[in-house]
Structures are given as structure tokens and as C-alpha cells.
């Protein structure tokens, strides 16, 4: 089975990994879940990533988009690898 990584944005800052995992129980198995924290302060940054098997990842992406969680509407999309992002700023040449 192919595993797809999804971006979960607009998470409440107080959300725990356990709460987010519970939110996605209908789309198991969950291969990985990471909530991102600030490197310097350790405070949650309000987003994370989850890895689900391909057919369930697509279903979860559409079902969970704009779902209310902790008073905030979630933003769900396919995660983009840093190497795939294109930079349109500066640079000489």
C-alpha cells in the first residue's frame, strides 16, 4: 500500500497528538503523526502532518477539510516536500 502524507493546518495550539489521532480514527491505519513545535520556545505552531494509506488519505483530505476542531476550521492538503516547493523570491543570475 502506498502511504500519503497530509498537511493538517489551523490546529488549535493546545491540540495534543492524542486528540488529533482520535480525530483521524476513521481513516486508520495511521502510519505517522507529527505536530510541529517552535524549535526555540517549544510552543506548538498550529500545524502538523499525518501519514495514511492512499485511498483513506484522499477520503480523509476531503472529509476533514474545514472540519471544526477546537473552535478552528482545519485545513487539510497533500504535504509538499521541501524539495518540490518552488521559490519565486530574489536570486540573481
Protein backbone atom coordinates (compact mmCIF):
# COMPACT_ATOMS: atom_id res chain seq x y z
CA UNK A 1 0.00 0.00 0.00
CA UNK A 2 1.20 3.49 -0.82
CA UNK A 3 1.35 5.91 2.13
CA UNK A 4 0.36 9.56 1.58
CA UNK A 5 1.49 12.40 3.84
CA UNK A 6 -1.12 15.08 4.57
CA UNK A 7 -0.65 18.57 5.98
CA UNK A 8 -3.03 19.47 8.83
CA UNK A 9 -3.23 23.23 9.28
CA UNK A 10 -5.07 25.66 11.53
CA UNK A 11 -4.87 23.31 14.52
CA UNK A 12 -5.65 24.81 17.92
CA UNK A 13 -2.36 25.49 19.69
CA UNK A 14 -3.49 23.37 22.65
CA UNK A 15 -4.25 20.30 20.47
CA UNK A 16 -2.45 17.15 21.55
CA UNK A 17 -1.19 14.32 19.39
CA UNK A 18 -3.72 12.02 21.07
CA UNK A 19 -6.63 14.34 20.17
CA UNK A 20 -5.53 14.66 16.53
CA UNK A 21 -5.00 10.90 16.28
CA UNK A 22 -8.53 10.38 17.62
CA UNK A 23 -9.87 12.82 15.03
CA UNK A 24 -8.49 10.60 12.25
CA UNK A 25 -9.52 7.18 13.66
CA UNK A 26 -11.99 6.64 10.79
CA UNK A 27 -9.05 6.69 8.36
CA UNK A 28 -6.70 4.20 10.06
CA UNK A 29 -4.15 2.82 9.97
CA UNK A 30 -2.18 5.92 10.85
CA UNK A 31 1.46 5.34 9.92
CA UNK A 32 2.80 8.54 11.49
CA UNK A 33 1.58 11.74 13.12
CA UNK A 34 3.74 14.76 13.91
CA UNK A 35 2.66 18.06 15.44
CA UNK A 36 5.17 20.83 14.77
CA UNK A 37 6.57 22.96 17.59
CA UNK A 38 8.79 26.01 17.52
CA UNK A 39 12.44 24.95 17.84
CA UNK A 40 13.37 27.71 20.27
CA UNK A 41 10.29 28.00 22.50
CA UNK A 42 8.82 24.51 22.19
CA UNK A 43 5.37 26.03 21.67
CA UNK A 44 3.01 24.38 19.16
CA UNK A 45 2.92 26.07 15.76
CA UNK A 46 -0.66 25.09 14.91
CA UNK A 47 0.04 22.54 12.20
CA UNK A 48 1.28 19.02 11.68
CA UNK A 49 1.48 16.06 9.34
CA UNK A 50 -0.23 12.68 9.22
CA UNK A 51 0.59 9.66 7.09
CA UNK A 52 -2.30 7.45 5.91
CA UNK A 53 -2.67 4.74 3.31
CA UNK A 54 -3.51 6.16 -0.12
CA UNK A 55 -7.23 5.50 -0.54
CA UNK A 56 -8.00 6.61 3.02
CA UNK A 57 -5.72 9.64 2.78
CA UNK A 58 -7.72 11.05 -0.14
CA UNK A 59 -11.00 10.37 1.66
CA UNK A 60 -9.69 11.98 4.85
CA UNK A 61 -8.39 15.02 2.97
CA UNK A 62 -11.83 15.84 1.57
CA UNK A 63 -13.83 14.80 4.65
CA UNK A 64 -11.69 16.71 7.16
CA UNK A 65 -11.21 19.94 5.15
CA UNK A 66 -12.87 22.81 7.07
CA UNK A 67 -13.98 20.44 9.85
CA UNK A 68 -14.41 22.35 13.10
CA UNK A 69 -11.89 21.23 15.74
CA UNK A 70 -11.24 23.13 18.95
CA UNK A 71 -13.05 26.19 17.60
CA UNK A 72 -11.00 26.31 14.38
CA UNK A 73 -11.63 25.13 10.82
CA UNK A 74 -8.99 22.62 9.80
CA UNK A 75 -7.04 22.99 6.56
CA UNK A 76 -6.06 19.66 5.03
CA UNK A 77 -3.97 19.13 1.90
CA UNK A 78 -1.33 16.86 0.48
CA UNK A 79 2.02 17.59 2.03
CA UNK A 80 4.61 19.05 -0.34
CA UNK A 81 8.24 18.06 0.13
CA UNK A 82 10.54 20.99 0.64
CA UNK A 83 12.44 19.99 -2.50
CA UNK A 84 9.21 20.26 -4.53
CA UNK A 85 8.46 23.82 -3.41
CA UNK A 86 9.46 26.48 -5.87
CA UNK A 87 10.99 29.67 -4.65
CA UNK A 88 9.97 32.80 -6.51
CA UNK A 89 11.94 35.25 -4.39
CA UNK A 90 15.15 37.09 -5.06
CA UNK A 91 18.15 35.47 -6.52
CA UNK A 92 20.42 36.93 -9.10
CA UNK A 93 21.57 35.24 -12.14
